[in-house]
């Protein structure tokens, strides 16, 4: 399935509502990846308020570390996408996103990474070359 098929409004959201076109940030809010409506994905779960997918391409190119993306719809206008966030598509994270979409209670699991500590390493690299970092 194409990412744009998750919700008809996905193309508009990616072009108009993302901080910069096609940017979807990680749950940490720090790093982004580019996704287009033509990227390949598979549906994890969907309801009237949210959907979760696993994308295997980013900006038209195959990625080594597939990304699980949760998409939120506007409660008053469910055809409108209002937000999206991504995490590494580990089995644990896919399970967490599936639970969120289903509206289940949290069970104590935490988001993990394909390579534990990778995010901290990347943040440390950024902080080593900057006196300050602003996240907007």
N, C-alpha and C. Protein backbone atom coordinates (compact mmCIF):
# COMPACT_ATOMS: atom_id res chain seq x y z
N UNK A 1 0.84 -1.16 0.00
CA UNK A 1 0.00 0.00 0.00
C UNK A 1 0.89 1.23 0.00
N UNK A 2 0.38 2.29 -0.56
CA UNK A 2 1.10 3.57 -0.56
C UNK A 2 0.70 4.37 0.68
N UNK A 3 1.63 5.16 1.22
CA UNK A 3 1.38 5.95 2.42
C UNK A 3 0.16 6.85 2.22
N UNK A 4 -0.01 7.40 1.03
CA UNK A 4 -1.14 8.26 0.74
C UNK A 4 -2.49 7.56 0.80
N UNK A 5 -2.49 6.23 0.72
CA UNK A 5 -3.73 5.46 0.78
C UNK A 5 -4.22 5.25 2.21
N UNK A 6 -3.38 5.55 3.19
CA UNK A 6 -3.78 5.39 4.59
C UNK A 6 -4.98 6.29 4.87
N UNK A 7 -4.93 7.49 4.35
CA UNK A 7 -6.02 8.47 4.49
C UNK A 7 -5.94 9.37 3.27
N UNK A 8 -7.06 9.68 2.70
CA UNK A 8 -7.09 10.49 1.48
C UNK A 8 -6.38 11.83 1.66
N UNK A 9 -6.40 12.37 2.87
CA UNK A 9 -5.82 13.68 3.19
C UNK A 9 -4.30 13.64 3.40
N UNK A 10 -3.69 12.46 3.36
CA UNK A 10 -2.27 12.32 3.70
C UNK A 10 -1.37 13.20 2.83
N UNK A 11 -1.61 13.26 1.54
CA UNK A 11 -0.78 14.08 0.65
C UNK A 11 -0.82 15.55 1.05
N UNK A 12 -2.01 16.07 1.33
CA UNK A 12 -2.13 17.46 1.76
C UNK A 12 -1.41 17.68 3.07
N UNK A 13 -1.60 16.77 4.03
CA UNK A 13 -0.93 16.89 5.33
C UNK A 13 0.58 16.96 5.16
N UNK A 14 1.15 16.04 4.38
CA UNK A 14 2.60 16.00 4.20
C UNK A 14 3.14 17.29 3.56
N UNK A 15 2.40 17.86 2.64
CA UNK A 15 2.84 19.07 1.95
C UNK A 15 2.57 20.36 2.72
N UNK A 16 1.45 20.41 3.44
CA UNK A 16 1.03 21.67 4.03
C UNK A 16 1.14 21.77 5.55
N UNK A 17 1.01 20.65 6.25
CA UNK A 17 0.95 20.72 7.71
C UNK A 17 2.23 20.29 8.42
N UNK A 18 3.11 19.61 7.73
CA UNK A 18 4.38 19.23 8.35
C UNK A 18 5.23 20.49 8.54
N UNK A 19 6.14 20.46 9.52
CA UNK A 19 6.99 21.62 9.79
C UNK A 19 7.64 22.11 8.50
N UNK A 20 8.25 21.20 7.78
CA UNK A 20 8.69 21.42 6.41
C UNK A 20 8.05 20.29 5.60
N UNK A 21 7.78 20.47 4.32
CA UNK A 21 7.09 19.43 3.56
C UNK A 21 7.72 18.05 3.74
N UNK A 22 6.85 17.08 4.02
CA UNK A 22 7.19 15.65 4.11
C UNK A 22 7.96 15.24 5.37
N UNK A 23 8.23 16.15 6.29
CA UNK A 23 8.97 15.79 7.50
C UNK A 23 8.05 15.15 8.53
N UNK A 24 8.43 13.97 8.99
CA UNK A 24 7.74 13.34 10.12
C UNK A 24 8.80 13.10 11.18
N UNK A 25 8.56 13.71 12.34
CA UNK A 25 9.52 13.64 13.44
C UNK A 25 9.33 12.38 14.26
N UNK A 26 10.41 11.98 14.90
CA UNK A 26 10.36 10.88 15.84
C UNK A 26 9.59 11.29 17.07
N UNK A 27 9.20 10.33 17.84
CA UNK A 27 8.45 10.58 19.07
C UNK A 27 9.22 11.51 20.00
N UNK A 28 10.56 11.48 19.91
CA UNK A 28 11.38 12.36 20.74
C UNK A 28 11.28 13.81 20.30
N UNK A 29 10.77 14.06 19.08
CA UNK A 29 10.62 15.41 18.57
C UNK A 29 11.92 16.03 18.09
N UNK A 30 12.97 15.24 18.00
CA UNK A 30 14.28 15.79 17.70
C UNK A 30 14.71 15.58 16.25
N UNK A 31 14.59 14.38 15.73
CA UNK A 31 15.05 14.07 14.37
C UNK A 31 13.86 13.71 13.49
N UNK A 32 13.97 14.02 12.20
CA UNK A 32 12.88 13.73 11.27
C UNK A 32 13.38 12.86 10.12
N UNK A 33 12.43 12.27 9.41
CA UNK A 33 12.68 11.60 8.15
C UNK A 33 11.65 12.13 7.16
N UNK A 34 11.98 12.07 5.89
CA UNK A 34 11.07 12.54 4.85
C UNK A 34 10.24 11.37 4.32
N UNK A 35 8.93 11.59 4.22
CA UNK A 35 8.03 10.59 3.67
C UNK A 35 7.12 11.26 2.65
N UNK A 36 6.84 10.55 1.58
CA UNK A 36 5.92 11.05 0.56
C UNK A 36 4.69 10.17 0.53
N UNK A 37 3.65 10.65 -0.12
CA UNK A 37 2.42 9.87 -0.21
C UNK A 37 2.64 8.60 -1.04
N UNK A 38 3.73 8.52 -1.81
CA UNK A 38 4.01 7.35 -2.63
C UNK A 38 4.92 6.33 -1.96
N UNK A 39 5.35 6.60 -0.72
CA UNK A 39 6.19 5.63 -0.01
C UNK A 39 5.40 4.37 0.30
N UNK A 40 6.12 3.25 0.32
CA UNK A 40 5.51 1.95 0.56
C UNK A 40 5.31 1.72 2.07
N UNK A 41 4.14 1.21 2.41
CA UNK A 41 3.87 0.91 3.81
C UNK A 41 2.87 -0.23 3.92
N UNK A 42 2.75 -0.76 5.13
CA UNK A 42 1.73 -1.76 5.41
C UNK A 42 0.96 -1.31 6.65
N UNK A 43 -0.32 -1.55 6.63
CA UNK A 43 -1.20 -1.11 7.71
C UNK A 43 -1.03 -2.02 8.92
N UNK A 44 -0.84 -1.40 10.09
CA UNK A 44 -0.78 -2.13 11.35
C UNK A 44 -2.18 -2.20 11.96
N UNK A 45 -2.81 -1.04 12.07
CA UNK A 45 -4.11 -0.93 12.73
C UNK A 45 -4.74 0.39 12.32
N UNK A 46 -6.09 0.45 12.33
CA UNK A 46 -6.79 1.69 11.99
C UNK A 46 -8.11 1.74 12.73
N UNK A 47 -8.48 2.94 13.17
CA UNK A 47 -9.84 3.19 13.66
C UNK A 47 -10.24 4.57 13.15
N UNK A 48 -11.34 5.12 13.60
CA UNK A 48 -11.80 6.40 13.10
C UNK A 48 -10.99 7.61 13.54
N UNK A 49 -10.10 7.43 14.52
CA UNK A 49 -9.32 8.55 15.06
C UNK A 49 -7.83 8.45 14.77
N UNK A 50 -7.33 7.24 14.52
CA UNK A 50 -5.89 7.02 14.35
C UNK A 50 -5.65 5.85 13.39
N UNK A 51 -4.43 5.84 12.88
CA UNK A 51 -3.97 4.70 12.09
C UNK A 51 -2.48 4.53 12.37
N UNK A 52 -1.98 3.31 12.21
CA UNK A 52 -0.55 3.04 12.34
C UNK A 52 -0.12 2.18 11.16
N UNK A 53 1.05 2.52 10.61
CA UNK A 53 1.61 1.80 9.48
C UNK A 53 3.10 1.56 9.70
N UNK A 54 3.65 0.64 8.92
CA UNK A 54 5.10 0.46 8.86
C UNK A 54 5.53 0.85 7.46
N UNK A 55 6.39 1.87 7.36
CA UNK A 55 6.91 2.31 6.06
C UNK A 55 8.26 1.66 5.81
N UNK A 56 8.42 1.14 4.60
CA UNK A 56 9.68 0.50 4.21
C UNK A 56 10.49 1.36 3.25
N UNK A 57 9.88 2.47 2.81
CA UNK A 57 10.62 3.44 2.00
C UNK A 57 10.45 4.81 2.63
N UNK A 58 11.43 5.66 2.41
CA UNK A 58 11.41 7.04 2.90
C UNK A 58 11.84 7.93 1.75
N UNK A 59 10.98 8.89 1.39
CA UNK A 59 11.28 9.80 0.30
C UNK A 59 11.61 9.04 -0.99
N UNK A 60 10.90 7.91 -1.18
CA UNK A 60 11.05 7.12 -2.40
C UNK A 60 12.19 6.13 -2.41
N UNK A 61 12.96 6.05 -1.34
CA UNK A 61 14.10 5.12 -1.29
C UNK A 61 13.90 4.10 -0.18
N UNK A 62 14.29 2.86 -0.46
CA UNK A 62 14.19 1.80 0.54
C UNK A 62 15.07 2.15 1.74
N UNK A 63 14.55 1.88 2.94
CA UNK A 63 15.31 2.19 4.15
C UNK A 63 15.67 0.90 4.88
N UNK A 64 16.85 0.89 5.47
CA UNK A 64 17.34 -0.29 6.18
C UNK A 64 16.58 -0.52 7.48
N UNK A 65 16.10 0.56 8.08
CA UNK A 65 15.37 0.47 9.35
C UNK A 65 13.95 0.97 9.14
N UNK A 66 13.02 0.05 8.83
CA UNK A 66 11.63 0.48 8.61
C UNK A 66 11.11 1.30 9.79
N UNK A 67 10.20 2.20 9.49
CA UNK A 67 9.65 3.10 10.51
C UNK A 67 8.16 2.85 10.70
N UNK A 68 7.75 2.77 11.96
CA UNK A 68 6.34 2.67 12.30
C UNK A 68 5.84 4.10 12.51
N UNK A 69 4.75 4.44 11.87
CA UNK A 69 4.22 5.80 11.93
C UNK A 69 2.78 5.75 12.43
N UNK A 70 2.49 6.57 13.42
CA UNK A 70 1.12 6.71 13.89
C UNK A 70 0.58 8.03 13.37
N UNK A 71 -0.64 7.98 12.87
CA UNK A 71 -1.29 9.13 12.25
C UNK A 71 -2.57 9.41 13.01
N UNK A 72 -2.79 10.69 13.35
CA UNK A 72 -4.01 11.09 14.04
C UNK A 72 -4.91 11.86 13.09
N UNK A 73 -6.23 11.63 13.22
CA UNK A 73 -7.23 12.35 12.43
C UNK A 73 -7.93 13.35 13.33
N UNK A 74 -8.47 14.37 12.72
CA UNK A 74 -9.24 15.39 13.42
C UNK A 74 -10.55 14.77 13.91
N UNK A 75 -10.84 14.91 15.21
CA UNK A 75 -12.06 14.34 15.78
C UNK A 75 -13.33 14.91 15.19
N UNK A 76 -13.31 16.18 14.80
CA UNK A 76 -14.50 16.81 14.22
C UNK A 76 -14.59 16.61 12.71
N UNK A 77 -13.47 16.35 12.09
CA UNK A 77 -13.43 16.11 10.65
C UNK A 77 -12.50 14.92 10.40
N UNK A 78 -13.01 13.68 10.58
CA UNK A 78 -12.15 12.50 10.54
C UNK A 78 -11.45 12.23 9.21
N UNK A 79 -11.80 12.98 8.17
CA UNK A 79 -11.10 12.82 6.90
C UNK A 79 -9.83 13.65 6.85
N UNK A 80 -9.57 14.44 7.89
CA UNK A 80 -8.42 15.34 7.92
C UNK A 80 -7.33 14.79 8.84
N UNK A 81 -6.11 14.65 8.31
CA UNK A 81 -4.96 14.23 9.10
C UNK A 81 -4.43 15.45 9.85
N UNK A 82 -4.18 15.31 11.16
CA UNK A 82 -3.70 16.45 11.94
C UNK A 82 -2.31 16.25 12.54
N UNK A 83 -1.82 15.02 12.60
CA UNK A 83 -0.49 14.80 13.18
C UNK A 83 0.03 13.42 12.79
N UNK A 84 1.36 13.28 12.84
CA UNK A 84 2.02 11.99 12.59
C UNK A 84 3.35 11.98 13.33
N UNK A 85 3.70 10.82 13.89
CA UNK A 85 4.99 10.64 14.54
C UNK A 85 5.52 9.26 14.17
N UNK A 86 6.84 9.11 14.26
CA UNK A 86 7.45 7.84 13.85
C UNK A 86 8.34 7.28 14.94
N UNK A 87 8.53 5.97 14.89
CA UNK A 87 9.46 5.24 15.76
C UNK A 87 10.05 4.10 14.93
N UNK A 88 11.16 3.53 15.39
CA UNK A 88 11.70 2.34 14.73
C UNK A 88 10.63 1.25 14.76
N UNK A 89 10.50 0.50 13.67
CA UNK A 89 9.46 -0.52 13.56
C UNK A 89 9.90 -1.84 14.20
N UNK A 90 10.24 -1.78 15.49
CA UNK A 90 10.52 -3.02 16.22
C UNK A 90 9.20 -3.69 16.57
N UNK A 91 9.22 -4.98 16.86
CA UNK A 91 7.98 -5.68 17.26
C UNK A 91 7.35 -5.01 18.47
N UNK A 92 8.18 -4.60 19.43
CA UNK A 92 7.69 -3.93 20.63
C UNK A 92 6.95 -2.65 20.27
N UNK A 93 7.56 -1.81 19.44
CA UNK A 93 6.96 -0.53 19.07
C UNK A 93 5.68 -0.71 18.25
N UNK A 94 5.69 -1.70 17.37
CA UNK A 94 4.48 -2.00 16.60
C UNK A 94 3.35 -2.39 17.55
N UNK A 95 3.66 -3.19 18.55
CA UNK A 95 2.66 -3.57 19.55
C UNK A 95 2.13 -2.37 20.31
N UNK A 96 3.02 -1.46 20.68
CA UNK A 96 2.60 -0.24 21.40
C UNK A 96 1.68 0.60 20.52
N UNK A 97 2.06 0.82 19.26
CA UNK A 97 1.23 1.63 18.37
C UNK A 97 -0.12 0.96 18.12
N UNK A 98 -0.12 -0.37 17.98
CA UNK A 98 -1.38 -1.10 17.80
C UNK A 98 -2.29 -0.85 19.00
N UNK A 99 -1.73 -0.90 20.20
CA UNK A 99 -2.51 -0.66 21.42
C UNK A 99 -3.05 0.76 21.47
N UNK A 100 -2.23 1.73 21.08
CA UNK A 100 -2.67 3.13 21.09
C UNK A 100 -3.85 3.32 20.13
N UNK A 101 -3.73 2.77 18.93
CA UNK A 101 -4.80 2.91 17.94
C UNK A 101 -6.08 2.25 18.45
N UNK A 102 -5.95 1.12 19.12
CA UNK A 102 -7.13 0.43 19.66
C UNK A 102 -7.71 1.13 20.88
N UNK A 103 -6.97 2.09 21.44
CA UNK A 103 -7.45 2.79 22.62
C UNK A 103 -7.29 2.00 23.91
N UNK A 104 -6.36 1.05 23.92
CA UNK A 104 -6.14 0.21 25.10
C UNK A 104 -5.32 0.96 26.15
N UNK A 105 -5.42 0.51 27.38
CA UNK A 105 -4.66 1.11 28.47
C UNK A 105 -3.18 0.77 28.30
N UNK A 106 -2.29 1.70 28.68
CA UNK A 106 -0.85 1.41 28.62
C UNK A 106 -0.50 0.20 29.49
N UNK A 107 0.43 -0.61 29.03
CA UNK A 107 0.81 -1.81 29.79
C UNK A 107 2.23 -1.74 30.32
N UNK A 108 2.83 -0.55 30.29
CA UNK A 108 4.16 -0.37 30.87
C UNK A 108 5.32 -0.51 29.90
N UNK A 109 5.05 -0.94 28.67
CA UNK A 109 6.14 -1.05 27.69
C UNK A 109 6.65 0.34 27.33
N UNK A 110 7.92 0.42 26.97
CA UNK A 110 8.50 1.68 26.53
C UNK A 110 9.01 1.53 25.10
N UNK A 111 9.08 2.64 24.41
CA UNK A 111 9.57 2.67 23.03
C UNK A 111 11.04 2.25 23.02
N UNK A 112 11.41 1.40 22.06
CA UNK A 112 12.81 1.00 21.95
C UNK A 112 13.35 1.34 20.56
N UNK A 113 14.61 1.01 20.34
CA UNK A 113 15.29 1.32 19.08
C UNK A 113 15.88 0.04 18.51
N UNK A 114 16.08 0.01 17.19
CA UNK A 114 16.76 -1.13 16.57
C UNK A 114 18.14 -1.31 17.20
N UNK A 115 18.83 -0.19 17.39
CA UNK A 115 20.15 -0.20 18.01
C UNK A 115 20.05 0.62 19.29
N UNK A 116 19.93 -0.05 20.44
CA UNK A 116 19.77 0.68 21.71
C UNK A 116 20.87 1.73 21.91
N UNK A 117 20.45 2.94 22.30
CA UNK A 117 21.39 4.03 22.53
C UNK A 117 21.68 4.88 21.31
N UNK A 118 21.14 4.50 20.15
CA UNK A 118 21.43 5.24 18.92
C UNK A 118 20.95 6.69 19.00
N UNK A 119 19.76 6.92 19.53
CA UNK A 119 19.24 8.28 19.66
C UNK A 119 20.14 9.11 20.56
N UNK A 120 20.52 8.58 21.70
CA UNK A 120 21.39 9.31 22.62
C UNK A 120 22.72 9.65 21.96
N UNK A 121 23.23 8.73 21.18
CA UNK A 121 24.50 8.97 20.47
C UNK A 121 24.35 10.12 19.48
N UNK A 122 23.24 10.14 18.73
CA UNK A 122 23.01 11.21 17.76
C UNK A 122 22.83 12.56 18.45
N UNK A 123 22.09 12.57 19.56
CA UNK A 123 21.89 13.82 20.31
C UNK A 123 23.23 14.32 20.84
N UNK A 124 24.05 13.41 21.35
CA UNK A 124 25.36 13.80 21.86
C UNK A 124 26.22 14.42 20.77
N UNK A 125 26.17 13.87 19.56
CA UNK A 125 26.93 14.44 18.44
C UNK A 125 26.50 15.87 18.16
N UNK A 126 25.18 16.10 18.17
CA UNK A 126 24.67 17.45 17.92
C UNK A 126 25.13 18.39 19.03
N UNK A 127 25.03 17.96 20.26
CA UNK A 127 25.42 18.81 21.39
C UNK A 127 26.92 19.09 21.44
N UNK A 128 27.73 18.20 20.88
CA UNK A 128 29.17 18.40 20.83
C UNK A 128 29.58 19.50 19.85
N UNK A 129 28.72 19.81 18.90
CA UNK A 129 29.07 20.84 17.92
C UNK A 129 28.27 22.12 18.12
N UNK A 130 27.45 22.18 19.17
CA UNK A 130 26.61 23.35 19.39
C UNK A 130 26.63 23.73 20.87
N UNK A 131 26.52 25.04 21.13
CA UNK A 131 26.42 25.51 22.50
C UNK A 131 25.02 25.37 23.05
N UNK A 132 24.04 25.35 22.16
CA UNK A 132 22.65 25.22 22.57
C UNK A 132 21.85 24.61 21.42
N UNK A 133 20.76 23.97 21.75
CA UNK A 133 19.86 23.40 20.75
C UNK A 133 18.44 23.82 21.10
N UNK A 134 17.74 24.35 20.12
CA UNK A 134 16.34 24.73 20.33
C UNK A 134 15.47 23.76 19.54
N UNK A 135 14.48 23.19 20.18
CA UNK A 135 13.52 22.32 19.50
C UNK A 135 12.20 23.04 19.51
N UNK A 136 11.64 23.25 18.34
CA UNK A 136 10.40 24.04 18.23
C UNK A 136 9.19 23.21 18.04
